[in-house]
Amino acid sequence: MYVRVKRARTTMFLHVEPTETVLELKAKIQLATDGDDCPGGYPPSRQKLLVGPGWHSALEDARQLQELKVENDMCIALVLLNKVEPPEGSPEGTEPTEEWEEVRIEEPGASEPAA
């Protein structure tokens, strides 16, 4: 079966087996995103995959896709864990923090990101 993994204006069509785990899907995403813009791709530990209305349900790494009711041609949102630099004026030695980016999936021809 195929799933559509979407992030912002990018859609990846990936072939998966229902018995594969979410972690195996994340490994495929890492391979698919390996390139000049992101050498090595997006590491699975920095990926979160979301489904459902409003993109609120995170897929658990150890679960099989069939257990999670992932079906052919299903759309899955990808968000990444990003480093956030401390604001200007922060005390010296303040470490960057990490936070998950928001889901921002844009459909072709849309002027505003989908919420």
C-alpha atoms as a PDB file:
ATOM      1  CA  MET A   1       0.000   0.000   0.000  1.00  0.00           C
ATOM      2  CA  TYR A   2       1.021   3.639  -0.315  1.00  0.00           C
ATOM      3  CA  VAL A   3       0.765   6.447   2.210  1.00  0.00           C
ATOM      4  CA  ARG A   4       1.077  10.175   1.640  1.00  0.00           C
ATOM      5  CA  VAL A   5       3.409  11.856   4.123  1.00  0.00           C
ATOM      6  CA  LYS A   6       2.909  15.630   4.056  1.00  0.00           C
ATOM      7  CA  ARG A   7       4.919  18.487   5.470  1.00  0.00           C
ATOM      8  CA  ALA A   8       4.200  22.086   4.436  1.00  0.00           C
ATOM      9  CA  ARG A   9       4.169  22.044   0.609  1.00  0.00           C
ATOM     10  CA  THR A  10       5.885  18.676   0.268  1.00  0.00           C
ATOM     11  CA  THR A  11       4.168  15.329  -0.203  1.00  0.00           C
ATOM     12  CA  MET A  12       6.053  12.025  -0.203  1.00  0.00           C
ATOM     13  CA  PHE A  13       4.372   8.915  -1.581  1.00  0.00           C
ATOM     14  CA  LEU A  14       5.875   5.933   0.222  1.00  0.00           C
ATOM     15  CA  HIS A  15       5.258   2.226  -0.277  1.00  0.00           C
ATOM     16  CA  VAL A  16       4.697   0.440   3.028  1.00  0.00           C
ATOM     17  CA  GLU A  17       3.433  -2.923   4.209  1.00  0.00           C
ATOM     18  CA  PRO A  18       0.634  -3.037   6.791  1.00  0.00           C
ATOM     19  CA  THR A  19       2.909  -5.102   9.063  1.00  0.00           C
ATOM     20  CA  GLU A  20       5.637  -2.431   9.120  1.00  0.00           C
ATOM     21  CA  THR A  21       6.044  -0.364  12.259  1.00  0.00           C
ATOM     22  CA  VAL A  22       5.856   3.394  12.490  1.00  0.00           C
ATOM     23  CA  LEU A  23       9.613   3.387  13.179  1.00  0.00           C
ATOM     24  CA  GLU A  24      10.180   1.550   9.874  1.00  0.00           C
ATOM     25  CA  LEU A  25       8.075   4.198   8.110  1.00  0.00           C
ATOM     26  CA  LYS A  26      10.203   6.904   9.747  1.00  0.00           C
ATOM     27  CA  ALA A  27      13.341   5.179   8.408  1.00  0.00           C
ATOM     28  CA  LYS A  28      11.845   5.365   4.899  1.00  0.00           C
ATOM     29  CA  ILE A  29      11.143   9.063   5.433  1.00  0.00           C
ATOM     30  CA  GLN A  30      14.773   9.558   6.462  1.00  0.00           C
ATOM     31  CA  LEU A  31      15.946   7.929   3.213  1.00  0.00           C
ATOM     32  CA  ALA A  32      13.462   9.958   1.154  1.00  0.00           C
ATOM     33  CA  THR A  33      14.620  13.253   2.692  1.00  0.00           C
ATOM     34  CA  ASP A  34      18.359  12.608   2.316  1.00  0.00           C
ATOM     35  CA  GLY A  35      19.696  15.269  -0.031  1.00  0.00           C
ATOM     36  CA  ASP A  36      21.575  18.538  -0.389  1.00  0.00           C
ATOM     37  CA  ASP A  37      19.040  20.380   1.783  1.00  0.00           C
ATOM     38  CA  CYS A  38      19.272  17.783   4.555  1.00  0.00           C
ATOM     39  CA  PRO A  39      22.337  15.515   4.386  1.00  0.00           C
ATOM     40  CA  GLY A  40      21.412  12.212   6.019  1.00  0.00           C
ATOM     41  CA  GLY A  41      17.685  13.010   5.948  1.00  0.00           C
ATOM     42  CA  TYR A  42      15.391  13.654   8.892  1.00  0.00           C
ATOM     43  CA  PRO A  43      16.404  11.269  11.717  1.00  0.00           C
ATOM     44  CA  PRO A  44      13.488   9.190  13.067  1.00  0.00           C
ATOM     45  CA  SER A  45      14.088  10.558  16.581  1.00  0.00           C
ATOM     46  CA  ARG A  46      13.281  14.070  15.288  1.00  0.00           C
ATOM     47  CA  GLN A  47      10.098  13.020  13.440  1.00  0.00           C
ATOM     48  CA  LYS A  48       6.536  12.896  14.705  1.00  0.00           C
ATOM     49  CA  LEU A  49       3.792  11.444  12.510  1.00  0.00           C
ATOM     50  CA  LEU A  50       0.228  12.647  13.063  1.00  0.00           C
ATOM     51  CA  VAL A  51      -3.157  11.514  11.761  1.00  0.00           C
ATOM     52  CA  GLY A  52      -6.811  12.202  12.331  1.00  0.00           C
ATOM     53  CA  PRO A  53      -8.961  15.296  12.435  1.00  0.00           C
ATOM     54  CA  GLY A  54      -6.844  18.286  13.348  1.00  0.00           C
ATOM     55  CA  TRP A  55      -3.660  16.183  13.197  1.00  0.00           C
ATOM     56  CA  HIS A  56      -3.808  15.485  16.951  1.00  0.00           C
ATOM     57  CA  SER A  57      -3.108  11.727  17.057  1.00  0.00           C
ATOM     58  CA  ALA A  58       0.603  10.827  17.114  1.00  0.00           C
ATOM     59  CA  LEU A  59       1.579   7.405  15.777  1.00  0.00           C
ATOM     60  CA  GLU A  60       3.595   5.310  18.250  1.00  0.00           C
ATOM     61  CA  ASP A  61       6.950   4.039  16.926  1.00  0.00           C
ATOM     62  CA  ALA A  62       6.593   0.399  18.028  1.00  0.00           C
ATOM     63  CA  ARG A  63       3.076  -0.133  16.637  1.00  0.00           C
ATOM     64  CA  GLN A  64       2.341  -1.719  13.281  1.00  0.00           C
ATOM     65  CA  LEU A  65       0.592   0.416  10.689  1.00  0.00           C
ATOM     66  CA  GLN A  66      -2.315  -2.050  10.479  1.00  0.00           C
ATOM     67  CA  GLU A  67      -2.824  -1.826  14.265  1.00  0.00           C
ATOM     68  CA  LEU A  68      -3.170   1.937  13.905  1.00  0.00           C
ATOM     69  CA  LYS A  69      -5.702   1.601  11.070  1.00  0.00           C
ATOM     70  CA  VAL A  70      -3.333   3.171   8.526  1.00  0.00           C
ATOM     71  CA  GLU A  71      -4.854   2.433   5.116  1.00  0.00           C
ATOM     72  CA  ASN A  72      -3.859   2.761   1.474  1.00  0.00           C
ATOM     73  CA  ASP A  73      -3.566   6.402   0.307  1.00  0.00           C
ATOM     74  CA  MET A  74      -3.915   7.701   3.867  1.00  0.00           C
ATOM     75  CA  CYS A  75      -2.487  11.153   4.526  1.00  0.00           C
ATOM     76  CA  ILE A  76      -0.032  11.415   7.425  1.00  0.00           C
ATOM     77  CA  ALA A  77       1.379  14.723   8.667  1.00  0.00           C
ATOM     78  CA  LEU A  78       5.104  14.954   9.419  1.00  0.00           C
ATOM     79  CA  VAL A  79       6.440  17.447  11.950  1.00  0.00           C
ATOM     80  CA  LEU A  80      10.030  17.812  13.082  1.00  0.00           C
ATOM     81  CA  LEU A  81      11.705  18.522  16.391  1.00  0.00           C
ATOM     82  CA  ASN A  82      13.666  21.747  15.869  1.00  0.00           C
ATOM     83  CA  LYS A  83      16.275  23.554  17.915  1.00  0.00           C
ATOM     84  CA  VAL A  84      15.181  27.000  19.047  1.00  0.00           C
ATOM     85  CA  GLU A  85      17.954  29.447  19.842  1.00  0.00           C
ATOM     86  CA  PRO A  86      17.609  31.486  23.046  1.00  0.00           C
ATOM     87  CA  PRO A  87      16.177  34.973  22.551  1.00  0.00           C
ATOM     88  CA  GLU A  88      18.564  37.868  22.195  1.00  0.00           C
ATOM     89  CA  GLY A  89      19.528  39.189  25.605  1.00  0.00           C
ATOM     90  CA  SER A  90      19.399  35.761  27.289  1.00  0.00           C
ATOM     91  CA  PRO A  91      22.082  35.093  29.902  1.00  0.00           C
ATOM     92  CA  GLU A  92      25.347  33.827  28.463  1.00  0.00           C
ATOM     93  CA  GLY A  93      25.475  30.038  28.324  1.00  0.00           C
ATOM     94  CA  THR A  94      21.720  29.650  27.845  1.00  0.00           C
ATOM     95  CA  GLU A  95      21.256  26.468  25.849  1.00  0.00           C
ATOM     96  CA  PRO A  96      18.958  26.206  22.845  1.00  0.00           C
ATOM     97  CA  THR A  97      15.670  24.427  23.501  1.00  0.00           C
ATOM     98  CA  GLU A  98      13.838  21.958  21.293  1.00  0.00           C
ATOM     99  CA  GLU A  99      10.205  22.075  20.255  1.00  0.00           C
ATOM    100  CA  TRP A 100       7.950  20.378  17.754  1.00  0.00           C
ATOM    101  CA  GLU A 101       7.004  22.502  14.777  1.00  0.00           C
ATOM    102  CA  GLU A 102       3.336  23.129  14.056  1.00  0.00           C
ATOM    103  CA  VAL A 103       1.475  21.214  11.373  1.00  0.00           C
ATOM    104  CA  ARG A 104       1.450  23.425   8.289  1.00  0.00           C
ATOM    105  CA  ILE A 105       0.123  21.519   5.341  1.00  0.00           C
ATOM    106  CA  GLU A 106      -0.591  23.596   2.275  1.00  0.00           C
ATOM    107  CA  GLU A 107      -2.740  22.251  -0.521  1.00  0.00           C
ATOM    108  CA  PRO A 108      -1.874  23.279  -4.099  1.00  0.00           C
ATOM    109  CA  GLY A 109      -3.435  26.625  -4.910  1.00  0.00           C
ATOM    110  CA  ALA A 110      -4.218  27.425  -1.283  1.00  0.00           C
ATOM    111  CA  SER A 111      -3.241  30.876  -0.114  1.00  0.00           C
ATOM    112  CA  GLU A 112      -3.401  30.072   3.607  1.00  0.00           C
ATOM    113  CA  PRO A 113      -1.944  27.032   5.398  1.00  0.00           C
ATOM    114  CA  ALA A 114      -4.532  24.484   6.485  1.00  0.00           C
ATOM    115  CA  ALA A 115      -5.142  24.462  10.238  1.00  0.00           C
END
